[in-house]
Protein backbone atom coordinates (compact mmCIF):
# COMPACT_ATOMS: atom_id res chain seq x y z
CA MET A 1 0.02 -0.16 0.10
CA ARG A 2 1.23 3.57 -0.17
CA ILE A 3 1.41 5.05 2.99
CA SER A 4 2.10 8.60 4.19
CA VAL A 5 3.43 9.49 7.67
CA ILE A 6 3.02 12.85 8.98
CA GLY A 7 5.38 13.92 11.87
CA CYS A 8 8.74 12.32 12.02
CA GLY A 9 9.60 12.68 15.43
CA TYR A 10 10.26 9.45 17.48
CA LEU A 11 6.85 8.05 16.97
CA GLY A 12 6.49 8.76 13.21
CA ALA A 13 10.15 7.93 12.19
CA VAL A 14 9.96 4.53 13.69
CA HIS A 15 6.30 3.69 12.15
CA ALA A 16 7.57 4.86 8.95
CA ALA A 17 10.38 2.68 8.69
CA CYS A 18 8.58 0.05 10.09
CA MET A 19 5.60 0.26 7.67
CA ALA A 20 8.49 -0.09 4.94
CA LYS A 21 9.93 -3.06 6.34
CA LEU A 22 6.35 -4.66 6.09
CA GLY A 23 6.55 -4.01 2.23
CA HIS A 24 4.52 -0.71 2.22
CA GLU A 25 5.78 2.37 -0.08
CA VAL A 26 6.16 5.06 2.61
CA VAL A 27 6.75 8.82 2.39
CA GLY A 28 7.59 10.33 5.87
CA ILE A 29 6.68 14.12 6.21
CA ASP A 30 7.87 16.89 8.68
CA VAL A 31 8.36 20.62 8.85
CA ASP A 32 11.87 20.03 10.27
CA GLU A 33 14.49 20.03 7.52
CA ARG A 34 17.24 18.95 9.86
CA LYS A 35 15.33 15.54 10.59
CA ILE A 36 14.54 15.11 7.06
CA SER A 37 18.18 15.49 6.07
CA ALA A 38 19.28 13.05 8.66
CA PHE A 39 16.60 10.29 7.81
CA SER A 40 17.23 10.47 4.02
CA THR A 41 20.76 9.46 4.88
CA GLY A 42 19.81 6.81 7.00
CA SER A 43 20.80 8.33 10.28
CA SER A 44 18.30 9.21 13.06
CA PRO A 45 18.84 12.49 14.96
CA PHE A 46 17.81 10.49 18.19
CA PHE A 47 18.93 7.15 19.51
CA GLU A 48 16.82 4.04 19.15
CA PRO A 49 18.40 0.63 18.99
CA GLY A 50 18.04 -0.79 15.70
CA LEU A 51 16.65 2.39 13.84
CA ASP A 52 19.55 3.28 11.95
CA GLU A 53 20.21 -0.13 10.48
CA LEU A 54 16.52 -0.25 9.55
CA LEU A 55 16.40 3.09 7.88
CA ARG A 56 19.28 1.90 5.64
CA GLU A 57 17.75 -1.32 4.88
CA VAL A 58 14.22 -0.08 3.71
CA GLN A 59 15.71 3.04 1.89
CA ALA A 60 17.78 0.42 -0.14
CA THR A 61 14.81 -1.06 -1.38
CA GLY A 62 13.21 2.32 -2.55
CA ARG A 63 10.06 2.10 -0.33
CA LEU A 64 10.82 4.47 1.99
CA SER A 65 11.42 8.33 1.46
CA PHE A 66 11.34 11.57 3.55
CA THR A 67 10.33 15.23 2.77
CA SER A 68 9.06 18.31 3.98
CA ASP A 69 6.70 18.57 1.20
CA MET A 70 3.07 17.87 2.38
CA SER A 71 1.67 17.69 -1.41
CA LYS A 72 3.82 14.05 -1.49
CA ALA A 73 1.02 12.76 0.71
CA ALA A 74 -1.02 12.70 -2.06
CA GLY A 75 -1.77 9.38 -3.85
CA SER A 76 -1.77 7.60 -0.48
CA SER A 77 -4.57 5.53 0.87
CA VAL A 78 -3.68 5.59 4.32
CA HIS A 79 -2.26 8.65 6.11
CA PHE A 80 -0.74 8.31 9.57
CA VAL A 81 -0.77 11.22 11.96
CA CYS A 82 2.16 10.70 14.23
CA VAL A 83 2.99 14.43 15.65
CA GLY A 84 3.52 15.24 19.34
CA THR A 85 1.06 16.55 22.10
CA PRO A 86 3.14 18.12 24.41
CA GLN A 87 2.04 19.35 27.80
CA ARG A 88 0.58 23.07 27.73
CA LYS A 89 3.24 25.62 29.17
CA GLY A 90 1.80 26.23 32.42
CA GLU A 91 -0.93 23.86 32.44
CA ASN A 92 -1.80 20.38 32.60
CA GLY A 93 -3.59 19.60 29.48
CA ALA A 94 -2.37 18.53 26.03
CA ASP A 95 -1.07 20.97 23.31
CA MET A 96 -2.97 20.09 20.39
CA ARG A 97 -1.60 22.66 18.19
CA TYR A 98 0.84 20.35 16.22
CA VAL A 99 -2.12 17.91 15.80
CA ASP A 100 -4.43 20.39 14.44
CA ALA A 101 -1.57 21.95 12.05
CA ALA A 102 -0.80 18.71 10.71
CA MET A 103 -4.85 18.15 10.06
CA ASP A 104 -4.84 21.19 8.24
CA SER A 105 -1.66 20.59 6.09
CA LEU A 106 -3.02 17.29 5.28
CA LEU A 107 -6.79 17.78 4.22
CA PRO A 108 -6.00 19.38 1.03
CA HIS A 109 -4.32 16.19 -0.29
CA VAL A 110 -6.78 13.70 1.15
CA GLY A 111 -8.85 11.82 -1.54
CA PRO A 112 -12.06 9.82 -1.55
CA GLY A 113 -11.69 6.56 0.10
CA ASP A 114 -8.56 7.41 2.10
CA ILE A 115 -7.98 6.64 5.70
CA VAL A 116 -6.62 9.15 7.97
CA VAL A 117 -4.91 7.28 11.12
CA GLY A 118 -4.28 9.12 14.00
CA LYS A 119 -1.72 7.64 16.26
CA SER A 120 -0.65 10.65 18.55
CA THR A 121 -1.80 10.51 22.33
CA VAL A 122 -4.68 12.90 22.51
CA PRO A 123 -7.75 13.82 24.83
CA VAL A 124 -10.81 12.12 24.17
CA GLY A 125 -13.21 13.77 21.93
CA THR A 126 -10.22 14.77 19.63
CA ALA A 127 -10.97 12.10 17.34
CA ALA A 128 -14.87 13.21 16.81
CA ARG A 129 -13.50 16.72 16.21
CA LEU A 130 -10.95 15.61 13.61
CA ALA A 131 -13.57 13.42 11.90
CA ASP A 132 -15.82 16.16 11.79
CA ARG A 133 -13.34 18.44 9.88
CA LEU A 134 -12.28 15.63 7.49
CA ALA A 135 -15.95 14.98 6.57
CA GLU A 136 -16.19 18.74 5.72
CA HIS A 137 -13.29 18.28 3.41
CA GLU A 138 -13.71 14.89 2.06
CA PRO A 139 -17.08 13.18 3.12
CA ASN A 140 -16.00 9.80 1.56
CA ALA A 141 -12.79 9.42 3.51
CA HIS A 142 -12.61 7.77 6.93
CA LEU A 143 -10.70 8.71 10.41
CA VAL A 144 -9.44 6.09 12.38
CA TRP A 145 -7.73 6.43 15.90
CA ASN A 146 -4.90 3.69 16.33
CA PRO A 147 -3.08 4.23 19.44
CA GLU A 148 0.60 3.49 19.84
CA PHE A 149 2.17 1.37 22.69
CA LEU A 150 5.78 1.84 21.90
CA ARG A 151 8.59 1.41 24.46
CA GLU A 152 11.62 3.71 24.02
CA GLY A 153 14.40 1.24 23.77
CA HIS A 154 11.92 -1.40 21.90
CA ALA A 155 10.02 0.82 19.58
CA VAL A 156 11.06 -1.28 16.31
CA ALA A 157 10.02 -4.68 17.84
CA ASP A 158 6.95 -3.27 19.55
CA THR A 159 5.93 -1.84 16.17
CA LEU A 160 6.82 -4.99 14.03
CA SER A 161 5.30 -7.33 16.52
CA PRO A 162 2.88 -5.37 18.61
CA ASP A 163 1.35 -7.07 21.37
CA ARG A 164 -2.12 -5.29 20.49
CA LEU A 165 -3.54 -3.32 17.52
CA VAL A 166 -6.68 -0.93 18.49
CA TYR A 167 -8.82 0.37 15.59
CA GLY A 168 -11.20 3.27 16.87
CA VAL A 169 -13.54 3.78 14.09
CA SER A 170 -16.67 5.83 14.09
CA ASP A 171 -19.29 3.22 14.53
CA GLY A 172 -17.49 0.79 16.59
CA SER A 173 -17.97 -1.90 13.96
CA GLU A 174 -16.01 -4.60 12.60
CA ASP A 175 -17.69 -3.87 9.29
CA HIS A 176 -16.40 -0.21 8.93
CA PHE A 177 -14.41 0.16 5.72
CA ALA A 178 -11.46 1.27 7.47
CA VAL A 179 -11.04 -1.96 9.25
CA ALA A 180 -10.16 -4.22 6.36
CA VAL A 181 -7.74 -1.61 5.03
CA LEU A 182 -6.00 -1.20 8.33
CA ASP A 183 -5.97 -5.10 8.29
CA GLU A 184 -4.14 -5.18 5.25
CA VAL A 185 -1.71 -2.54 6.65
CA TYR A 186 -0.87 -4.95 9.56
CA ALA A 187 -1.52 -8.20 7.70
CA GLU A 188 2.04 -9.55 8.81
CA PRO A 189 1.90 -8.75 12.64
CA LEU A 190 -1.94 -9.91 12.43
CA ALA A 191 -0.82 -13.16 10.72
CA ASN A 192 2.01 -13.50 13.46
CA GLY A 193 -0.46 -13.50 15.94
CA SER A 194 -0.90 -9.88 17.40
CA PRO A 195 -4.56 -9.49 19.19
CA ARG A 196 -6.76 -6.82 17.29
CA LEU A 197 -9.38 -5.17 18.74
CA VAL A 198 -12.03 -2.72 17.18
CA THR A 199 -13.74 0.10 19.16
CA ASP A 200 -15.41 3.26 18.86
CA HIS A 201 -13.50 6.71 18.85
CA PRO A 202 -13.48 7.63 22.29
CA THR A 203 -12.66 4.33 23.55
CA ALA A 204 -9.62 3.88 21.48
CA GLU A 205 -8.36 7.37 22.65
CA LEU A 206 -8.88 6.55 26.33
CA VAL A 207 -6.98 3.12 25.84
CA LYS A 208 -3.29 4.87 25.72
CA ALA A 209 -4.19 7.26 28.57
CA ALA A 210 -5.57 4.45 30.87
CA ALA A 211 -2.61 2.35 30.15
CA ASN A 212 -0.15 4.83 30.91
CA SER A 213 -2.14 5.88 34.17
CA PHE A 214 -2.18 2.31 35.18
CA LEU A 215 1.48 2.03 34.71
CA ALA A 216 2.23 5.09 36.47
CA THR A 217 -0.03 4.00 39.37
CA LYS A 218 1.87 0.88 39.95
CA ILE A 219 5.38 2.45 39.87
CA SER A 220 4.32 5.11 42.36
CA PHE A 221 2.56 2.31 44.71
CA ILE A 222 5.89 0.59 45.03
CA ASN A 223 7.72 3.81 45.55
CA ALA A 224 5.28 4.74 48.47
CA MET A 225 5.67 1.29 49.62
CA ALA A 226 9.77 1.98 49.60
CA GLU A 227 9.04 5.11 51.72
CA VAL A 228 7.33 2.79 54.23
CA CYS A 229 10.05 0.03 54.23
CA GLU A 230 12.92 2.70 55.06
CA ALA A 231 10.78 3.87 57.72
CA ALA A 232 10.17 -0.01 59.09
CA GLY A 233 13.55 -1.46 57.96
CA ALA A 234 11.94 -3.62 55.45
CA ASP A 235 13.22 -4.43 51.95
CA VAL A 236 11.06 -3.20 49.10
CA THR A 237 12.83 -5.61 46.51
CA ARG A 238 11.67 -8.51 48.83
CA LEU A 239 8.34 -7.17 48.98
CA ALA A 240 7.74 -6.57 45.53
CA ASP A 241 8.68 -10.33 44.84
CA ALA A 242 6.38 -11.48 47.18
CA ILE A 243 3.19 -9.51 46.09
CA GLY A 244 4.59 -9.97 42.50
CA ILE A 245 4.18 -13.60 42.50
CA ASP A 246 0.13 -12.88 43.13
CA ASP A 247 -0.99 -13.24 39.45
CA ARG A 248 -3.63 -10.72 39.79
CA ILE A 249 -0.83 -8.29 40.66
CA GLY A 250 2.48 -9.17 38.65
CA ARG A 251 5.90 -8.24 39.10
CA LYS A 252 6.39 -6.10 36.50
CA PHE A 253 6.76 -2.29 36.97
CA LEU A 254 7.30 -2.73 40.63
CA ASN A 255 10.62 -1.84 41.01
CA ALA A 256 11.14 1.18 43.62
CA GLY A 257 13.46 3.89 42.52
CA ILE A 258 13.68 7.37 41.43
CA GLY A 259 10.37 7.42 39.88
CA PHE A 260 9.40 7.76 36.16
CA GLY A 261 9.94 10.40 33.43
CA GLY A 262 10.21 10.75 29.77
CA GLY A 263 8.03 12.19 27.08
CA CYS A 264 4.97 9.99 27.79
CA LEU A 265 4.03 9.13 31.34
CA PRO A 266 3.83 12.65 33.35
CA LYS A 267 2.44 14.40 30.66
CA ASP A 268 -0.13 11.90 29.62
CA ILE A 269 -1.66 11.32 33.39
CA ARG A 270 -1.67 15.21 33.71
CA ALA A 271 -3.54 15.63 30.35
CA PHE A 272 -5.84 12.73 31.37
CA MET A 273 -6.77 14.55 34.59
CA ALA A 274 -7.17 17.77 32.74
CA ARG A 275 -9.56 16.25 30.24
CA ALA A 276 -11.50 14.56 32.92
CA GLY A 277 -11.93 17.75 34.74
CA GLU A 278 -13.27 19.13 31.27
CA LEU A 279 -15.68 16.43 31.04
CA GLY A 280 -17.21 16.77 34.84
CA ALA A 281 -15.40 13.64 35.63
CA ASP A 282 -12.31 14.85 37.73
CA GLN A 283 -13.37 13.16 40.83
CA ALA A 284 -12.70 9.84 38.95
CA LEU A 285 -9.09 10.36 38.49
CA THR A 286 -7.99 12.35 41.81
CA PHE A 287 -5.86 9.41 42.59
CA LEU A 288 -3.58 10.47 39.79
CA ARG A 289 -2.78 13.54 41.72
CA GLU A 290 -1.09 11.57 44.41
CA VAL A 291 0.39 9.15 41.69
CA ASP A 292 2.18 12.24 40.34
CA SER A 293 3.01 13.71 43.80
CA ILE A 294 4.83 10.35 44.90
CA ASN A 295 6.66 10.20 41.64
CA MET A 296 7.94 13.94 42.18
CA ARG A 297 8.84 13.45 45.92
CA ARG A 298 11.21 10.64 44.77
CA ARG A 299 13.41 13.10 43.51
CA THR A 300 13.84 15.28 46.68
CA ARG A 301 14.29 12.08 48.94
CA VAL A 302 17.28 10.86 46.66
CA VAL A 303 18.95 14.32 47.39
CA GLU A 304 18.03 13.75 50.79
CA LEU A 305 19.72 10.13 51.02
CA THR A 306 22.49 11.71 49.09
CA ARG A 307 23.06 14.27 51.71
CA GLU A 308 23.06 11.59 54.30
CA LEU A 309 25.39 9.42 52.44
CA CYS A 310 27.65 12.33 52.25
CA GLY A 311 27.82 12.64 55.95
CA GLY A 312 25.05 15.50 56.35
CA SER A 313 26.50 17.93 53.71
CA LEU A 314 26.66 18.27 50.04
CA LEU A 315 28.94 21.54 50.04
CA GLY A 316 32.05 20.73 47.99
CA HIS A 317 31.42 17.08 47.69
CA ARG A 318 32.19 15.66 44.46
CA ILE A 319 29.24 13.40 43.09
CA THR A 320 29.29 11.73 39.75
CA VAL A 321 25.73 11.03 38.49
CA LEU A 322 25.63 7.64 36.23
CA GLY A 323 23.01 8.46 33.63
CA ALA A 324 21.07 11.25 32.40
CA ALA A 325 18.76 9.71 30.22
CA PHE A 326 15.15 8.79 31.73
CA LYS A 327 15.28 5.31 30.84
CA PRO A 328 18.38 3.03 29.46
CA GLU A 329 18.63 2.29 25.55
CA SER A 330 17.42 6.01 24.58
CA ASP A 331 18.79 9.48 24.78
CA ASP A 332 15.59 11.06 25.89
CA VAL A 333 16.14 13.49 28.53
CA ARG A 334 12.60 14.94 28.82
CA ASP A 335 11.50 15.18 32.44
CA SER A 336 14.54 12.87 33.14
CA PRO A 337 14.73 12.39 36.97
CA ALA A 338 18.24 11.67 36.78
CA LEU A 339 19.02 15.02 35.43
CA SER A 340 16.44 16.70 37.64
CA ILE A 341 18.23 14.97 40.78
CA ALA A 342 21.90 16.12 39.33
CA ALA A 343 20.69 19.81 38.94
CA GLN A 344 18.94 20.02 42.65
CA LEU A 345 22.61 18.42 43.97
CA GLN A 346 24.55 21.11 42.18
CA LEU A 347 22.20 23.73 43.51
CA GLN A 348 22.69 22.62 47.05
CA GLY A 349 26.68 22.95 46.71
CA ALA A 350 27.62 19.44 45.23
CA VAL A 351 30.40 19.41 42.42
CA VAL A 352 28.15 17.36 40.01
CA THR A 353 29.45 15.59 36.92
CA VAL A 354 26.97 13.52 34.70
CA THR A 355 27.78 10.74 32.44
CA ASP A 356 25.56 8.59 29.98
CA PRO A 357 26.41 6.68 26.76
CA LYS A 358 23.87 8.27 24.39
CA ALA A 359 22.20 11.29 26.17
CA LEU A 360 24.77 13.66 27.03
CA GLU A 361 23.94 16.11 24.14
CA ASN A 362 20.31 16.11 24.81
CA ALA A 363 21.39 16.75 28.45
CA ALA A 364 23.52 19.48 27.80
CA LYS A 365 20.73 21.44 26.27
CA ARG A 366 18.20 21.03 29.08
CA PHE A 367 20.84 21.85 31.71
CA PRO A 368 23.80 23.67 30.39
CA GLU A 369 24.75 24.47 33.81
CA LEU A 370 26.06 20.62 34.74
CA GLN A 371 29.15 19.54 33.89
CA TYR A 372 29.47 16.35 31.43
CA GLU A 373 31.75 13.65 30.76
CA ARG A 374 31.27 10.99 28.21
CA ASP A 375 33.94 8.46 29.18
CA LEU A 376 32.92 6.45 32.31
CA GLU A 377 36.22 6.21 33.77
CA THR A 378 37.09 9.81 33.75
CA ALA A 379 33.43 10.70 34.93
CA MET A 380 34.14 8.48 37.89
CA ALA A 381 37.74 9.50 38.91
CA GLY A 382 38.17 10.92 42.00
CA ALA A 383 34.31 11.03 42.92
CA ASP A 384 33.37 10.95 46.63
CA THR A 385 29.97 9.57 45.88
CA LEU A 386 28.50 7.56 42.81
CA LEU A 387 24.73 7.83 41.87
CA LEU A 388 23.33 5.27 39.73
CA LEU A 389 20.31 6.70 38.41
CA THR A 390 19.68 5.23 34.96
CA GLU A 391 20.11 1.59 34.93
CA TRP A 392 22.40 1.37 31.54
CA GLN A 393 23.96 -2.39 31.37
CA GLU A 394 27.25 -0.89 31.50
CA TYR A 395 26.37 0.52 35.02
CA ARG A 396 24.86 -2.53 36.10
CA ASP A 397 27.81 -4.52 35.25
CA LEU A 398 30.60 -2.58 37.08
CA ASP A 399 33.07 -4.08 39.25
CA PRO A 400 32.93 -2.56 42.85
CA PHE A 401 36.67 -3.56 43.21
CA GLU A 402 38.02 -2.11 40.23
CA VAL A 403 35.81 0.96 40.33
CA GLY A 404 37.11 1.47 43.85
CA SER A 405 40.48 1.82 42.95
CA GLY A 406 39.81 5.27 41.01
CA VAL A 407 37.32 6.98 43.17
CA ALA A 408 38.22 9.09 46.19
CA GLY A 409 35.37 7.62 48.38
CA LEU A 410 33.51 4.37 48.47
CA ARG A 411 29.91 5.45 48.55
CA ILE A 412 27.18 4.59 46.00
CA LEU A 413 23.54 5.10 46.00
CA ASP A 414 21.57 2.73 43.92
CA GLY A 415 18.88 4.38 42.51
CA ARG A 416 17.38 2.11 40.54
CA ASN A 417 18.12 -1.00 43.02
CA VAL A 418 19.81 -2.97 40.24
CA LEU A 419 23.02 -3.71 42.00
CA ASP A 420 24.26 -6.51 44.15
CA ALA A 421 24.32 -4.76 47.61
CA ALA A 422 26.25 -7.77 49.24
CA LYS A 423 28.97 -7.64 46.72
CA TRP A 424 29.40 -3.72 46.68
CA ARG A 425 29.34 -3.94 50.70
CA ALA A 426 32.15 -6.72 50.48
CA ALA A 427 34.27 -4.61 48.13
CA GLY A 428 34.29 -2.20 51.02
CA TRP A 429 31.59 0.40 49.84
CA HIS A 430 29.17 2.21 51.67
CA TYR A 431 25.92 0.97 49.75
CA ARG A 432 22.44 2.74 49.86
CA GLY A 433 19.67 1.61 47.92
CA LEU A 434 15.98 3.04 47.90
CA GLY A 435 13.72 1.32 50.14
CA ARG A 436 16.15 -1.17 51.20
CA PRO A 437 17.65 -1.59 54.75
């Protein structure tokens, strides 16, 4: 099929490359000429494992191209809208300017029988509004909401082999014309067993918001338990193991730490609360305020624990922060807890050095006042205290005996509870985990 992908950010670029991998003829369209230039040479301007290799592979077949010319969308039978919906400045709600602008630019190039597919995470009610605009321009075109469920660091695999496909169509019917078209788009993953669910527009819009809110709640729950464990002298990792055996609860996302960040969970739960308030259902989501509050409180708690680890004062203390990205296998520093903690430590007098395998360039744009060092050994040299705040595998694999020979002080705070506490203590380190005795 001929497919256009509007918006070549993280979601759109991965989607475009994967659709070409599935055999479709794809054009990716974005207003940012810098992105277009990078993608056209088979190089992504952001880090996602496997994406550069996939870009080069599919571009060699001639099935994938990138442009800033929206008229190139004409002739495609399916148009995916993949632009961002960031948090509005000074508010909780989602900023819909980019989605609206993308639709305004796309509409003149939509023909009879075309399918416009929204993949952006939007407030419920957006699809109905956009469907009306589409109908005014082209009554014989159709709007579908097809939410994405990508995990940064696994986005290529999640697109080629999704754990679910949700189609939101106007009447919620399996017989809707657009369902058969999307089944053709996703023929390979469907044949490989990916489950598919057809719903109405509002339900499809709510799926991503509800899923992210549930995951955020689970993370904040175990972080709240970590606070209780610290007060009681209990071990939150063993607590999580015990309750996670219950298949009604499950062990995934029960890892206590410094909290969640990134470009999705924080802004999505806030936008969900804001939209619920607009619909008069704000009481239903008041618990998400506490979820958000617990998450932000973790950052302050790590600063407090670091001060304790440093003997009660941060002034002049040399601290090396291991990790700047909000999660490993990503260079995304949006709402990164690690960077926020590093900045707070520096404001309170510590001498902070931040290292990360992939995210330093983006980190320096967000917090230029921090000191950055790409080489891990150099970053740790002479440090009084280490903070592991992003669980990159190379940090998890550190040998405490080898590391100890290059630092000034044997103190480490494991902000992700991924290190072997007994091993580090045996090597002479003062080890501190979160929610652990």
